[in-house]
N, C-alpha and C. Protein backbone atom coordinates (compact mmCIF):
# COMPACT_ATOMS: atom_id res chain seq x y z
N UNK A 1 -23.35 90.54 1.00
CA UNK A 1 -24.18 90.59 2.53
C UNK A 1 -23.79 89.70 2.81
N UNK A 2 -23.52 89.40 4.37
CA UNK A 2 -22.89 88.67 5.11
C UNK A 2 -24.52 87.93 5.55
N UNK A 3 -24.64 86.81 6.24
CA UNK A 3 -25.50 85.53 6.47
C UNK A 3 -25.59 86.81 7.81
N UNK A 4 -27.14 86.76 8.56
CA UNK A 4 -27.60 87.12 9.57
C UNK A 4 -27.77 86.21 10.75
N UNK A 5 -27.72 86.22 11.81
CA UNK A 5 -28.11 85.73 12.77
C UNK A 5 -29.90 85.70 13.21
N UNK A 6 -30.14 84.64 13.48
CA UNK A 6 -32.07 85.03 13.23
C UNK A 6 -31.81 85.29 14.84
N UNK A 7 -31.34 84.80 16.06
CA UNK A 7 -31.26 85.66 17.50
C UNK A 7 -31.33 86.90 17.58
N UNK A 8 -30.88 87.52 16.55
CA UNK A 8 -30.99 89.84 16.32
C UNK A 8 -32.12 89.90 15.57
N UNK A 9 -33.32 89.08 14.90
CA UNK A 9 -34.44 89.66 15.11
C UNK A 9 -35.33 90.33 16.48
N UNK A 10 -35.23 91.12 16.23
CA UNK A 10 -36.49 91.54 17.45
C UNK A 10 -37.58 92.24 17.21
N UNK A 11 -38.78 91.78 17.67
CA UNK A 11 -40.68 92.36 17.87
C UNK A 11 -40.39 92.93 19.13
N UNK A 12 -41.04 94.38 18.86
CA UNK A 12 -41.01 95.39 20.03
C UNK A 12 -42.18 96.06 20.27
N UNK A 13 -42.91 95.90 21.24
CA UNK A 13 -44.10 96.65 21.17
C UNK A 13 -43.73 97.68 21.69
N UNK A 14 -45.25 99.05 21.62
CA UNK A 14 -45.43 100.26 21.91
C UNK A 14 -46.33 100.43 23.45
N UNK A 15 -45.67 101.21 24.01
CA UNK A 15 -46.62 101.19 25.51
C UNK A 15 -48.25 102.21 24.80
N UNK A 16 -48.45 102.58 23.87
CA UNK A 16 -49.20 103.32 23.65
C UNK A 16 -49.22 105.00 24.46
N UNK A 17 -48.32 104.95 24.69
CA UNK A 17 -48.03 106.72 24.47
C UNK A 17 -47.58 107.13 23.52
N UNK A 18 -47.19 108.58 23.85
CA UNK A 18 -47.27 109.78 22.53
C UNK A 18 -45.91 110.82 23.46
N UNK A 19 -45.07 110.73 22.80
CA UNK A 19 -44.23 109.01 22.21
C UNK A 19 -43.78 108.26 22.80
N UNK A 20 -44.28 107.10 21.76
CA UNK A 20 -44.07 106.18 22.44
C UNK A 20 -43.04 105.43 23.13
N UNK A 21 -42.43 104.49 23.82
CA UNK A 21 -41.15 103.92 24.20
C UNK A 21 -41.28 102.19 23.66
N UNK A 22 -40.95 101.30 23.21
CA UNK A 22 -40.89 100.39 22.81
C UNK A 22 -40.23 99.17 24.10
N UNK A 23 -41.23 98.25 23.84
CA UNK A 23 -40.24 97.38 24.56
C UNK A 23 -40.31 95.68 23.97
N UNK A 24 -38.93 94.93 23.88
CA UNK A 24 -38.73 93.98 23.51
C UNK A 24 -39.81 92.73 23.98
N UNK A 25 -39.97 92.15 23.04
CA UNK A 25 -40.60 90.96 23.36
C UNK A 25 -39.29 89.83 23.99
N UNK A 26 -39.41 89.20 24.96
CA UNK A 26 -38.36 88.50 25.76
C UNK A 26 -38.47 86.94 25.38
N UNK A 27 -38.06 86.18 25.57
CA UNK A 27 -38.09 84.73 25.31
C UNK A 27 -38.21 83.89 24.04
N UNK A 28 -38.42 84.63 22.88
CA UNK A 28 -38.59 84.14 21.65
C UNK A 28 -37.28 83.69 21.13
N UNK A 29 -38.29 82.44 20.53
CA UNK A 29 -37.03 81.55 19.58
C UNK A 29 -37.10 81.57 18.73
N UNK A 30 -37.96 81.70 18.18
CA UNK A 30 -38.45 82.37 16.60
C UNK A 30 -39.41 83.17 15.96
N UNK A 31 -38.87 83.93 15.09
CA UNK A 31 -39.93 85.64 14.83
C UNK A 31 -40.07 85.25 12.88
N UNK A 32 -41.24 85.51 12.87
CA UNK A 32 -40.86 85.50 10.92
C UNK A 32 -41.65 87.08 10.86
N UNK A 33 -41.60 87.41 9.29
CA UNK A 33 -42.24 88.61 9.24
C UNK A 33 -42.98 87.65 7.89
N UNK A 34 -44.32 87.87 7.47
CA UNK A 34 -44.99 87.66 6.23
C UNK A 34 -45.80 88.86 5.75
N UNK A 35 -45.15 89.19 4.16
CA UNK A 35 -45.76 90.56 3.59
C UNK A 35 -46.45 89.76 2.30
N UNK A 36 -48.00 90.24 1.71
CA UNK A 36 -48.75 89.53 1.86
C UNK A 36 -49.24 90.95 0.46
N UNK A 37 -49.67 90.60 -0.80
CA UNK A 37 -50.02 91.49 -1.80
C UNK A 37 -51.12 90.56 -2.60
N UNK A 38 -52.37 91.24 -2.48
CA UNK A 38 -53.56 90.35 -3.35
C UNK A 38 -53.31 91.24 -4.94
N UNK A 39 -53.64 90.72 -5.52
CA UNK A 39 -53.45 90.95 -7.10
C UNK A 39 -54.54 91.59 -7.92
N UNK A 40 -54.78 92.38 -8.86
CA UNK A 40 -56.17 92.40 -9.59
C UNK A 40 -56.16 92.07 -11.08
N UNK A 41 -56.28 91.07 -11.52
CA UNK A 41 -56.05 90.37 -12.65
C UNK A 41 -57.23 91.85 -13.87
N UNK A 42 -56.35 91.94 -14.58
CA UNK A 42 -57.39 92.89 -15.43
C UNK A 42 -56.91 92.48 -17.15
N UNK A 43 -56.66 91.31 -16.88
CA UNK A 43 -56.92 90.49 -18.59
C UNK A 43 -58.28 90.84 -18.82
N UNK A 44 -57.87 90.72 -20.67
CA UNK A 44 -58.80 90.81 -21.17
C UNK A 44 -58.90 90.12 -22.64
N UNK A 45 -59.84 90.33 -23.56
CA UNK A 45 -59.73 89.49 -24.68
C UNK A 45 -58.55 89.88 -25.32
N UNK A 46 -58.24 90.98 -24.97
CA UNK A 46 -56.90 91.29 -25.94
C UNK A 46 -55.59 91.15 -25.55
N UNK A 47 -55.46 90.27 -24.48
CA UNK A 47 -54.35 90.42 -22.88
C UNK A 47 -53.66 89.47 -24.38
N UNK A 48 -53.45 88.34 -24.99
CA UNK A 48 -52.38 87.83 -26.07
C UNK A 48 -52.61 86.17 -25.57
N UNK A 49 -53.51 85.96 -24.21
CA UNK A 49 -53.13 84.58 -23.71
C UNK A 49 -52.35 84.57 -22.43
N UNK A 50 -51.78 86.18 -21.90
CA UNK A 50 -51.04 86.16 -21.04
C UNK A 50 -51.87 87.12 -19.97
N UNK A 51 -51.47 86.78 -18.61
CA UNK A 51 -53.18 87.29 -17.33
C UNK A 51 -51.57 88.75 -17.41
N UNK A 52 -52.77 89.80 -17.48
CA UNK A 52 -52.53 91.21 -16.94
C UNK A 52 -52.48 91.55 -15.53
N UNK A 53 -51.88 92.44 -14.94
CA UNK A 53 -52.46 92.84 -13.77
C UNK A 53 -52.20 94.28 -13.52
N UNK A 54 -53.00 94.78 -12.62
CA UNK A 54 -53.03 96.32 -12.23
C UNK A 54 -51.61 96.31 -11.35
N UNK A 55 -50.77 97.35 -11.67
CA UNK A 55 -49.63 97.49 -10.30
C UNK A 55 -50.41 98.58 -9.02
N UNK A 56 -50.56 98.07 -8.12
CA UNK A 56 -50.62 98.81 -6.91
C UNK A 56 -52.18 98.96 -6.49
N UNK A 57 -52.76 97.94 -7.15
CA UNK A 57 -54.32 97.80 -7.02
C UNK A 57 -54.42 96.91 -5.74
N UNK A 58 -54.10 96.05 -5.21
CA UNK A 58 -54.21 95.06 -4.27
C UNK A 58 -53.95 95.86 -2.97
N UNK A 59 -54.68 95.02 -2.22
CA UNK A 59 -54.56 94.77 -0.57
C UNK A 59 -53.69 94.09 -0.04
N UNK A 60 -52.34 95.59 0.77
CA UNK A 60 -51.28 94.66 1.46
C UNK A 60 -51.27 94.03 2.51
N UNK A 61 -50.89 92.92 3.32
CA UNK A 61 -51.52 92.93 4.86
C UNK A 61 -49.85 92.13 4.85
N UNK A 62 -50.03 92.13 5.83
CA UNK A 62 -48.67 91.58 7.01
C UNK A 62 -48.80 91.20 8.42
N UNK A 63 -48.27 89.43 8.31
CA UNK A 63 -48.46 88.86 9.86
C UNK A 63 -47.25 88.42 10.33
N UNK A 64 -47.44 88.63 11.45
CA UNK A 64 -45.63 88.37 12.09
C UNK A 64 -46.19 87.50 13.19
N UNK A 65 -45.21 86.39 13.41
CA UNK A 65 -45.10 85.75 14.48
C UNK A 65 -43.84 85.11 15.28
N UNK A 66 -44.42 84.94 16.43
CA UNK A 66 -42.84 84.46 17.35
C UNK A 66 -43.68 83.65 18.17
N UNK A 67 -42.54 82.73 18.58
CA UNK A 67 -42.77 81.68 19.56
C UNK A 67 -41.86 81.85 20.64
N UNK A 68 -41.63 81.05 21.28
CA UNK A 68 -40.71 80.88 22.64
C UNK A 68 -40.65 80.50 23.78
N UNK A 69 -39.52 80.77 25.08
CA UNK A 69 -40.15 80.26 26.34
C UNK A 69 -40.88 81.56 26.83
N UNK A 70 -41.87 81.54 27.94
CA UNK A 70 -42.83 82.45 28.55
C UNK A 70 -41.25 82.55 29.38
N UNK A 71 -41.92 84.23 29.55
CA UNK A 71 -41.45 84.90 30.63
C UNK A 71 -41.79 85.91 31.36
N UNK A 72 -42.16 85.72 32.91
CA UNK A 72 -42.53 86.58 33.19
C UNK A 72 -42.44 87.67 33.30
N UNK A 73 -43.35 88.66 33.51
CA UNK A 73 -42.50 90.01 33.27
C UNK A 73 -43.66 91.05 32.94
N UNK A 74 -43.19 92.53 33.15
CA UNK A 74 -43.73 93.73 32.45
C UNK A 74 -44.46 93.38 31.24
N UNK A 75 -43.78 92.73 29.75
CA UNK A 75 -43.73 92.51 28.46
C UNK A 75 -44.56 91.92 28.14
N UNK A 76 -44.44 90.36 29.13
CA UNK A 76 -45.42 89.64 28.57
C UNK A 76 -46.81 89.76 29.39
N UNK A 77 -47.19 90.98 30.98
CA UNK A 77 -48.17 91.36 31.16
C UNK A 77 -48.78 92.37 30.17
N UNK A 78 -47.85 93.09 29.62
CA UNK A 78 -48.22 94.59 28.58
C UNK A 78 -49.10 93.54 27.24
N UNK A 79 -48.76 92.53 27.19
CA UNK A 79 -48.89 91.73 25.89
C UNK A 79 -50.14 91.05 26.06
N UNK A 80 -50.27 89.84 27.09
CA UNK A 80 -51.56 89.88 27.97
C UNK A 80 -52.49 90.73 27.83
N UNK A 81 -52.65 92.16 27.92
CA UNK A 81 -53.35 93.15 28.01
C UNK A 81 -53.67 93.80 26.81
N UNK A 82 -52.88 94.01 26.22
CA UNK A 82 -53.25 94.24 24.80
C UNK A 82 -53.96 93.56 24.04
N UNK A 83 -54.08 92.22 24.11
CA UNK A 83 -54.82 91.46 23.45
C UNK A 83 -55.86 91.39 23.93
N UNK A 84 -56.26 91.11 25.43
CA UNK A 84 -57.50 91.03 25.93
C UNK A 84 -58.85 92.16 25.93
N UNK A 85 -58.20 93.39 25.41
CA UNK A 85 -58.67 94.74 25.21
C UNK A 85 -58.65 94.50 23.96
N UNK A 86 -57.85 93.84 22.73
CA UNK A 86 -58.16 94.04 21.77
C UNK A 86 -57.87 95.53 20.69
N UNK A 87 -57.06 95.75 21.52
CA UNK A 87 -56.27 97.03 21.16
C UNK A 87 -55.18 97.14 19.86
N UNK A 88 -55.15 98.01 19.21
CA UNK A 88 -54.20 97.83 18.35
C UNK A 88 -52.84 98.65 18.69
N UNK A 89 -51.50 98.55 18.46
CA UNK A 89 -50.11 98.72 18.67
C UNK A 89 -49.58 99.12 17.84
N UNK A 90 -48.29 100.45 17.56
CA UNK A 90 -47.46 100.45 17.09
C UNK A 90 -46.49 99.62 17.41
N UNK A 91 -46.43 98.78 16.80
CA UNK A 91 -44.78 97.51 16.69
C UNK A 91 -43.97 97.72 16.08
N UNK A 92 -42.47 97.44 16.08
CA UNK A 92 -41.40 97.59 15.12
C UNK A 92 -40.70 95.74 15.34
N UNK A 93 -40.03 95.70 14.12
CA UNK A 93 -39.38 94.19 13.74
C UNK A 93 -37.98 94.78 13.15
N UNK A 94 -37.51 94.53 14.09
CA UNK A 94 -35.88 94.76 13.12
C UNK A 94 -34.69 93.59 13.30
N UNK A 95 -34.69 93.83 11.71
CA UNK A 95 -34.19 93.16 11.04
C UNK A 95 -32.27 93.34 10.89
N UNK A 96 -31.46 93.02 11.21
CA UNK A 96 -30.12 92.95 11.06
C UNK A 96 -29.75 92.84 9.76
N UNK A 97 -29.46 93.68 9.07
CA UNK A 97 -28.91 93.79 7.77
C UNK A 97 -30.26 94.41 7.03
N UNK A 98 -30.75 94.56 7.56
CA UNK A 98 -32.23 94.67 6.54
C UNK A 98 -33.04 96.30 7.01
N UNK A 99 -33.18 96.64 7.94
CA UNK A 99 -34.08 97.04 8.87
C UNK A 99 -35.33 96.98 9.32
N UNK A 100 -35.93 98.28 9.65
CA UNK A 100 -36.86 98.17 10.87
C UNK A 100 -37.91 98.22 10.39
N UNK A 101 -38.72 97.60 10.66
CA UNK A 101 -40.69 97.55 10.00
C UNK A 101 -41.35 98.22 10.88
N UNK A 102 -42.38 99.24 10.54
CA UNK A 102 -43.29 99.62 12.28
C UNK A 102 -44.53 99.69 11.22
N UNK A 103 -45.31 99.59 11.85
CA UNK A 103 -46.68 100.18 11.56
C UNK A 103 -47.60 99.25 12.90
N UNK A 104 -48.82 99.45 12.66
CA UNK A 104 -50.03 99.32 13.10
C UNK A 104 -49.97 97.98 13.54
N UNK A 105 -50.62 97.08 14.50
CA UNK A 105 -50.77 96.03 14.83
C UNK A 105 -51.50 95.55 15.59
N UNK A 106 -52.15 94.15 15.56
CA UNK A 106 -53.42 93.85 16.53
C UNK A 106 -52.69 92.18 16.84
N UNK A 107 -52.54 91.82 17.62
CA UNK A 107 -52.63 90.55 18.35
C UNK A 107 -53.87 89.76 17.76
N UNK A 108 -53.35 88.49 16.88
CA UNK A 108 -54.63 88.06 16.45
C UNK A 108 -54.62 86.40 17.24
N UNK A 109 -53.70 86.30 17.58
CA UNK A 109 -53.33 84.58 18.41
C UNK A 109 -52.45 84.95 19.46
N UNK A 110 -52.43 84.52 20.81
CA UNK A 110 -51.95 84.19 21.85
C UNK A 110 -51.70 83.05 22.31
N UNK A 111 -51.10 82.02 22.20
CA UNK A 111 -51.10 80.90 22.57
C UNK A 111 -49.83 80.66 23.52
N UNK A 112 -50.33 79.90 25.10
CA UNK A 112 -49.78 79.44 26.17
C UNK A 112 -49.66 77.71 26.02
N UNK A 113 -48.48 77.14 26.58
CA UNK A 113 -48.36 75.91 26.63
C UNK A 113 -47.08 75.32 27.29
N UNK A 114 -47.07 74.00 28.18
CA UNK A 114 -46.52 73.50 28.87
C UNK A 114 -46.72 72.17 28.30
N UNK A 115 -45.06 71.52 29.14
CA UNK A 115 -45.37 70.13 28.85
C UNK A 115 -44.74 69.76 30.19
N UNK A 116 -45.61 68.64 30.93
CA UNK A 116 -45.39 68.23 32.30
C UNK A 116 -44.09 68.74 32.78
N UNK A 117 -42.52 67.95 31.97
CA UNK A 117 -41.45 68.17 32.09
C UNK A 117 -40.86 69.38 31.76
N UNK A 118 -41.60 70.31 31.41
CA UNK A 118 -40.55 71.13 29.83
C UNK A 118 -41.43 72.46 30.74
N UNK A 119 -40.76 73.75 30.01
CA UNK A 119 -41.10 75.12 30.09
C UNK A 119 -42.04 75.55 29.25
N UNK A 120 -42.77 76.53 30.23
CA UNK A 120 -43.98 77.01 29.63
C UNK A 120 -43.38 77.87 28.55
N UNK A 121 -44.24 78.01 27.49
CA UNK A 121 -43.45 78.09 25.70
C UNK A 121 -45.31 79.44 25.83
N UNK A 122 -44.46 80.13 25.05
CA UNK A 122 -46.09 81.35 24.21
C UNK A 122 -45.69 81.37 22.61
N UNK A 123 -46.85 81.52 22.78
CA UNK A 123 -46.88 82.21 20.63
C UNK A 123 -47.51 83.35 20.49
N UNK A 124 -47.35 84.35 19.80
CA UNK A 124 -48.25 85.22 19.05
C UNK A 124 -48.23 85.16 17.59
N UNK A 125 -49.12 85.98 17.07
CA UNK A 125 -49.53 86.62 15.78
C UNK A 125 -49.94 87.70 15.95
N UNK A 126 -49.21 88.88 14.94
CA UNK A 126 -49.84 89.90 14.55
C UNK A 126 -50.60 90.27 13.31
N UNK A 127 -51.33 90.97 13.42
CA UNK A 127 -52.04 91.37 11.81
C UNK A 127 -51.75 92.56 11.58
N UNK A 128 -51.55 93.16 10.78
CA UNK A 128 -51.55 94.42 10.28
C UNK A 128 -52.69 95.19 10.28
N UNK A 129 -52.60 96.21 10.59
CA UNK A 129 -53.72 96.69 10.59
C UNK A 129 -53.42 98.37 10.29
N UNK A 130 -52.70 98.58 9.29
CA UNK A 130 -52.10 100.10 8.54
C UNK A 130 -51.15 99.90 7.53
N UNK A 131 -50.77 101.12 7.19
CA UNK A 131 -49.35 101.00 5.91
C UNK A 131 -48.72 100.69 7.41
N UNK A 132 -47.37 99.52 6.87
CA UNK A 132 -45.83 99.86 7.35
C UNK A 132 -45.22 100.16 6.60
N UNK A 133 -43.97 100.98 7.59
CA UNK A 133 -42.59 101.69 6.80
C UNK A 133 -41.74 100.99 7.19
N UNK A 134 -41.12 101.14 6.43
CA UNK A 134 -39.32 99.63 6.32
C UNK A 134 -38.07 101.08 6.52
N UNK A 135 -37.52 101.52 7.66
CA UNK A 135 -36.34 102.22 7.42
C UNK A 135 -35.55 101.74 7.64
N UNK A 136 -34.16 101.97 6.39
CA UNK A 136 -33.26 101.28 6.16
C UNK A 136 -32.38 101.48 7.56
N UNK A 137 -31.24 100.12 8.23
CA UNK A 137 -30.75 100.58 9.20
C UNK A 137 -29.32 101.18 8.72
N UNK A 138 -28.46 101.99 9.45
CA UNK A 138 -27.50 102.80 8.98
C UNK A 138 -26.09 101.51 9.04
N UNK A 139 -25.52 102.08 7.59
CA UNK A 139 -24.27 101.24 7.24
C UNK A 139 -23.47 100.92 8.72
N UNK A 140 -23.11 99.59 8.93
CA UNK A 140 -22.75 98.88 9.88
C UNK A 140 -23.32 98.71 10.91
N UNK A 141 -24.59 98.73 11.30
CA UNK A 141 -25.40 98.19 12.57
C UNK A 141 -25.94 97.11 12.43
């Protein structure tokens, strides 16, 4: 497998319609996806000194973050509106060479900042609100 360009990672938010239409969050310079799974310890006196875990028993959770240059427009307006409404929307994260991670997320953090002699920046954090799916990319995509 070849190395992938970080700039090719895309974060897309649905419009909430059926079927949904997705808008790419522009201006992002960094994006990340963090997948977490709780473990359930089932160790007991017969475990021979080693911890035992119960497969598939813990809760799984994902966090997505992105930050970059604030670009005014429809996508920025939509993100702000979804945050203030507390809505849960379908989001897609496109990872080159891996696939598309899709699922319901809520915006948990939305930050705006700017230096006097610099550009306005923004960052957002999404928290999963249900099961996620991974759809592998077609060969050569």
